Amino acid sequence: MRISRPVGLWLLSAAALGSVVALITGCGQGNRPQLDVPPPPLMAPRGEFRDQLLEPVLVPSEADPAPLVDMRLASGSGLGRPLYESVEPILRRRTAQLLAQAQDLALQRGYVILLLDAGRTPQAHSALVAMAGDPEFVPPADPEFGCPDIRGAAIDVTLLDSRNGDMELAMGTRYMEIAPASGRRFAELDKDHLSNRAILAKIMDDAGFDEGHAWWDYHDPEWVDTPDLTEEDVPHTLSSEALEALESPATAESPESAPAAAEE
């Protein structure tokens, strides 16, 4: 079939215009940031960067975007008794970077991470173990391998709904409520509570954290090769209740709370 010259020119013009539109659209899509995509996992610290990644840092000054902070073990909420009179949120730099990745993912999905607790000294952790009284929820540090909490590689977190006035999501139990329902695998909850826990777990898992026993408990998977935090690393003051817990017979016999032997 023979195509007339005016129709042929119109078809060529339309095709050219379509190519230009497709090119512009394609470029726009290529430059558009991909939202809600889990970041690549951070590499394990090694070589010349190891010391930098393992430095203890103040979370709000290192994590970008930073989470909101409510150190509830200083207020006593959950346990009913405060672990600290005062404390600063300290993590290893690598763990703080993982937390920043989690906060970025949370913001993309309409939520904000609320940091409830961060790294603890071995002494503070021993006091918390004694005060909680449940080694499943707050296990003592292993005498040989330690635990992520005393390495500055563990965090306790929850979520705020930024689309609803930063209202805290209901998780079925309070933070540090030592009860079976606080366990991550506990299924006898309202569907909204289960859904909220799943949202938090998805964000933290995508950011590269491993899960602990309680719904609020997460830790850096590279914690094993990290040194213990020292009293100089974590600005804090233990509460009178914590000091009393450390003096209890069971705590005094714990290898984790025993003072270091004097050097000869």
Protein backbone atom coordinates (compact mmCIF):
# COMPACT_ATOMS: atom_id res chain seq x y z
CA MET A 1 0.00 0.00 0.00
CA ARG A 2 1.38 3.42 -0.97
CA ILE A 3 1.47 6.02 1.86
CA SER A 4 0.90 9.62 0.80
CA ARG A 5 3.68 12.12 1.52
CA PRO A 6 1.75 14.15 4.15
CA VAL A 7 0.74 11.00 6.05
CA GLY A 8 4.30 9.64 5.88
CA LEU A 9 5.73 12.85 7.29
CA TRP A 10 3.16 12.79 10.11
CA LEU A 11 4.10 9.20 11.00
CA LEU A 12 7.81 10.04 11.05
CA SER A 13 7.18 13.06 13.25
CA ALA A 14 5.09 11.01 15.67
CA ALA A 15 7.75 8.33 15.89
CA ALA A 16 10.47 10.88 16.53
CA LEU A 17 8.38 12.59 19.18
CA GLY A 18 7.73 9.24 20.84
CA SER A 19 11.44 8.47 20.92
CA VAL A 20 12.22 11.81 22.55
CA VAL A 21 9.49 11.32 25.16
CA ALA A 22 10.72 7.80 25.91
CA LEU A 23 14.29 9.08 26.23
CA ILE A 24 13.29 11.87 28.61
CA THR A 25 11.06 9.53 30.64
CA GLY A 26 13.76 6.90 30.82
CA CYS A 27 16.35 9.41 31.98
CA GLY A 28 13.97 10.70 34.61
CA GLN A 29 13.34 7.24 35.95
CA GLY A 30 17.01 6.44 35.94
CA ASN A 31 17.82 9.52 38.06
CA ARG A 32 14.91 9.09 40.43
CA PRO A 33 15.99 7.68 43.82
CA GLN A 34 14.76 4.18 44.52
CA LEU A 35 12.78 4.29 47.74
CA ASP A 36 12.21 1.46 50.16
CA VAL A 37 15.11 -0.60 48.88
CA PRO A 38 17.20 -2.27 51.61
CA PRO A 39 20.77 -0.90 51.64
CA PRO A 40 23.68 -3.23 50.95
CA PRO A 41 24.97 -4.84 54.15
CA LEU A 42 27.87 -3.15 55.90
CA MET A 43 31.09 -5.12 55.63
CA ALA A 44 32.64 -6.58 58.76
CA PRO A 45 35.26 -4.20 60.16
CA ARG A 46 38.76 -5.07 59.00
CA GLY A 47 42.10 -3.56 58.17
CA GLU A 48 42.75 0.13 58.61
CA PHE A 49 39.04 0.93 59.05
CA ARG A 50 38.49 -1.51 61.92
CA ASP A 51 39.45 0.89 64.69
CA GLN A 52 37.26 3.63 63.24
CA LEU A 53 34.21 1.38 62.92
CA LEU A 54 34.66 0.04 66.44
CA GLU A 55 35.00 3.41 68.15
CA PRO A 56 32.26 4.08 70.74
CA VAL A 57 30.17 7.04 69.53
CA LEU A 58 27.23 9.09 70.77
CA VAL A 59 24.30 7.91 68.64
CA PRO A 60 22.60 11.26 67.81
CA SER A 61 25.88 12.76 66.58
CA GLU A 62 26.91 9.74 64.49
CA ALA A 63 23.71 8.25 63.01
CA ASP A 64 22.36 10.22 60.03
CA PRO A 65 19.42 10.22 59.88
CA ALA A 66 19.40 9.89 63.67
CA PRO A 67 16.61 8.17 65.62
CA LEU A 68 14.68 9.87 68.35
CA VAL A 69 16.03 8.91 71.78
CA ASP A 70 14.13 8.02 74.96
CA MET A 71 16.45 6.10 77.28
CA ARG A 72 13.74 4.40 79.30
CA LEU A 73 16.03 2.43 81.55
CA ALA A 74 16.82 5.78 83.14
CA SER A 75 13.15 6.55 83.76
CA GLY A 76 12.24 3.10 85.03
CA SER A 77 9.41 2.56 82.56
CA GLY A 78 8.90 -1.12 81.83
CA LEU A 79 10.90 -2.58 84.71
CA GLY A 80 9.29 -0.19 87.17
CA ARG A 81 12.72 0.61 88.63
CA PRO A 82 15.41 2.69 86.93
CA LEU A 83 18.71 1.11 85.96
CA TYR A 84 20.36 4.52 85.59
CA GLU A 85 20.16 7.92 87.16
CA SER A 86 21.55 9.24 83.88
CA VAL A 87 22.99 7.70 80.72
CA GLU A 88 24.04 8.64 77.18
CA PRO A 89 23.17 6.44 74.15
CA ILE A 90 26.51 4.94 73.10
CA LEU A 91 27.11 2.43 70.28
CA ARG A 92 30.01 1.26 68.20
CA ARG A 93 30.24 3.39 65.06
CA ARG A 94 29.37 0.45 62.80
CA THR A 95 26.21 -0.32 64.78
CA ALA A 96 25.26 3.36 64.75
CA GLN A 97 25.58 3.30 60.96
CA LEU A 98 23.28 0.29 60.79
CA LEU A 99 20.81 2.21 62.95
CA ALA A 100 20.98 5.15 60.53
CA GLN A 101 20.13 2.77 57.68
CA ALA A 102 17.16 1.51 59.68
CA GLN A 103 15.96 5.05 60.36
CA ASP A 104 16.21 5.90 56.66
CA LEU A 105 14.08 2.86 55.77
CA ALA A 106 11.59 3.72 58.54
CA LEU A 107 11.19 7.29 57.28
CA GLN A 108 10.55 6.06 53.75
CA ARG A 109 7.74 3.88 55.09
CA GLY A 110 6.13 6.59 57.24
CA TYR A 111 7.65 5.72 60.61
CA VAL A 112 10.33 6.99 62.99
CA ILE A 113 12.62 4.79 65.07
CA LEU A 114 12.62 5.53 68.80
CA LEU A 115 15.80 4.34 70.52
CA LEU A 116 15.00 3.00 74.00
CA ASP A 117 18.42 1.70 75.07
CA ALA A 118 21.90 1.28 73.61
CA GLY A 119 25.23 -0.12 74.77
CA ARG A 120 25.83 -1.03 78.43
CA THR A 121 28.97 -1.57 80.46
CA PRO A 122 29.41 -5.10 81.87
CA GLN A 123 28.52 -3.75 85.32
CA ALA A 124 25.32 -2.08 84.10
CA HIS A 125 24.33 -5.22 82.23
CA SER A 126 24.87 -7.38 85.33
CA ALA A 127 22.60 -5.05 87.29
CA LEU A 128 19.92 -5.24 84.60
CA VAL A 129 20.12 -9.05 84.52
CA ALA A 130 19.53 -9.12 88.28
CA MET A 131 16.71 -6.57 88.16
CA ALA A 132 14.90 -8.26 85.26
CA GLY A 133 15.14 -11.70 86.86
CA ASP A 134 14.53 -13.56 83.60
CA PRO A 135 17.59 -14.83 81.70
CA GLU A 136 15.50 -15.46 78.59
CA PHE A 137 14.66 -11.78 78.16
CA VAL A 138 17.87 -10.33 79.64
CA PRO A 139 20.51 -13.08 79.49
CA PRO A 140 23.81 -12.66 81.32
CA ALA A 141 26.91 -12.22 79.23
CA ASP A 142 28.61 -15.48 78.35
CA PRO A 143 31.82 -15.80 80.45
CA GLU A 144 33.82 -16.64 77.32
CA PHE A 145 32.06 -14.88 74.44
CA GLY A 146 30.29 -11.96 76.15
CA CYS A 147 27.13 -10.53 74.53
CA PRO A 148 26.27 -7.72 72.10
CA ASP A 149 24.85 -5.50 74.86
CA ILE A 150 28.21 -5.04 76.62
CA ARG A 151 29.99 -4.62 73.27
CA GLY A 152 27.96 -1.55 72.27
CA ALA A 153 26.40 -3.55 69.43
CA ALA A 154 22.82 -4.03 70.68
CA ILE A 155 19.83 -1.71 70.72
CA ASP A 156 16.27 -1.66 72.03
CA VAL A 157 13.86 0.16 69.71
CA THR A 158 10.24 0.77 68.86
CA LEU A 159 8.40 2.77 66.17
CA LEU A 160 6.45 6.02 65.99
CA ASP A 161 3.85 6.59 63.26
CA SER A 162 4.91 9.85 61.58
CA ARG A 163 1.62 9.95 59.66
CA ASN A 164 -0.33 9.99 62.91
CA GLY A 165 1.31 12.65 65.05
CA ASP A 166 4.34 10.48 65.89
CA MET A 167 2.14 8.19 67.95
CA GLU A 168 3.99 5.19 69.35
CA LEU A 169 2.88 1.92 67.79
CA ALA A 170 1.24 -0.53 70.18
CA MET A 171 3.28 -3.73 70.39
CA GLY A 172 1.08 -5.69 72.78
CA THR A 173 3.32 -5.16 75.82
CA ARG A 174 5.36 -2.32 77.30
CA TYR A 175 9.06 -2.04 76.71
CA MET A 176 10.92 -4.24 79.23
CA GLU A 177 7.70 -5.91 80.35
CA ILE A 178 9.05 -9.30 81.39
CA ALA A 179 6.18 -11.51 80.28
CA PRO A 180 5.67 -14.29 77.70
CA ALA A 181 3.71 -11.88 75.49
CA SER A 182 6.86 -9.77 75.02
CA GLY A 183 8.57 -12.66 73.27
CA ARG A 184 9.09 -12.18 69.55
CA ARG A 185 7.37 -15.48 68.65
CA PHE A 186 4.35 -14.99 70.90
CA ALA A 187 1.35 -15.23 68.57
CA GLU A 188 -1.65 -14.75 70.88
CA LEU A 189 -1.94 -11.00 70.27
CA ASP A 190 -4.33 -8.69 68.46
CA LYS A 191 -3.66 -8.57 64.73
CA ASP A 192 -2.70 -4.89 64.98
CA HIS A 193 -0.01 -5.70 67.55
CA LEU A 194 1.33 -8.54 65.41
CA SER A 195 1.30 -6.27 62.36
CA ASN A 196 3.21 -3.52 64.20
CA ARG A 197 5.84 -5.98 65.37
CA ALA A 198 6.20 -7.29 61.83
CA ILE A 199 6.69 -3.74 60.48
CA LEU A 200 9.46 -3.08 63.02
CA ALA A 201 11.12 -6.44 62.33
CA LYS A 202 11.04 -5.86 58.56
CA ILE A 203 12.72 -2.47 58.89
CA MET A 204 15.42 -3.74 61.24
CA ASP A 205 16.04 -6.91 59.24
CA ASP A 206 16.34 -4.93 56.00
CA ALA A 207 18.85 -2.61 57.67
CA GLY A 208 21.06 -5.57 58.59
CA PHE A 209 20.24 -6.25 62.25
CA ASP A 210 19.74 -9.65 63.86
CA GLU A 211 16.79 -10.26 66.19
CA GLY A 212 16.85 -10.97 69.92
CA HIS A 213 14.24 -12.75 72.03
CA ALA A 214 12.06 -9.73 72.88
CA TRP A 215 10.21 -7.69 70.25
CA TRP A 216 12.35 -4.61 71.02
CA ASP A 217 15.75 -6.35 70.97
CA TYR A 218 18.12 -6.16 67.97
CA HIS A 219 21.88 -6.45 67.55
CA ASP A 220 24.68 -6.02 65.05
CA PRO A 221 25.59 -9.45 63.59
CA GLU A 222 29.30 -8.51 63.72
CA TRP A 223 29.33 -8.02 67.50
CA VAL A 224 31.51 -11.04 68.35
CA ASP A 225 34.84 -9.44 67.45
CA THR A 226 34.00 -6.18 69.21
CA PRO A 227 35.64 -5.33 72.58
CA ASP A 228 33.63 -4.75 75.74
CA LEU A 229 32.59 -1.20 76.58
CA THR A 230 34.40 0.37 79.50
CA GLU A 231 33.26 2.81 82.18
CA GLU A 232 35.04 5.56 80.25
CA ASP A 233 33.17 4.70 77.04
CA VAL A 234 29.65 5.19 78.44
CA PRO A 235 28.79 8.35 80.40
CA HIS A 236 26.34 7.03 83.00
CA THR A 237 25.42 6.82 86.66
CA LEU A 238 23.76 3.69 88.01
CA SER A 239 20.68 4.07 90.19
CA SER A 240 20.57 3.04 93.84
CA GLU A 241 18.31 0.16 92.80
CA ALA A 242 20.93 -1.05 90.33
CA LEU A 243 23.69 -0.85 92.93
CA GLU A 244 21.54 -2.85 95.36
CA ALA A 245 20.94 -5.48 92.66
CA LEU A 246 24.69 -5.77 92.12
CA GLU A 247 25.16 -6.49 95.82
CA SER A 248 22.72 -9.40 95.78
CA PRO A 249 24.37 -12.83 96.37
CA ALA A 250 23.42 -14.20 92.95
CA THR A 251 24.91 -11.19 91.18
CA ALA A 252 28.04 -11.17 93.29
CA GLU A 253 28.77 -14.77 92.25
CA SER A 254 28.38 -13.97 88.53
CA PRO A 255 31.70 -14.03 86.59
CA GLU A 256 30.43 -11.11 84.50
CA SER A 257 30.17 -8.77 87.51
CA ALA A 258 33.43 -9.80 89.18
CA PRO A 259 36.07 -7.05 89.22
CA ALA A 260 39.08 -7.53 86.99
CA ALA A 261 42.12 -9.05 88.71
CA ALA A 262 44.86 -6.61 89.60
CA GLU A 263 47.87 -6.72 87.36
CA GLU A 264 51.03 -7.94 89.04
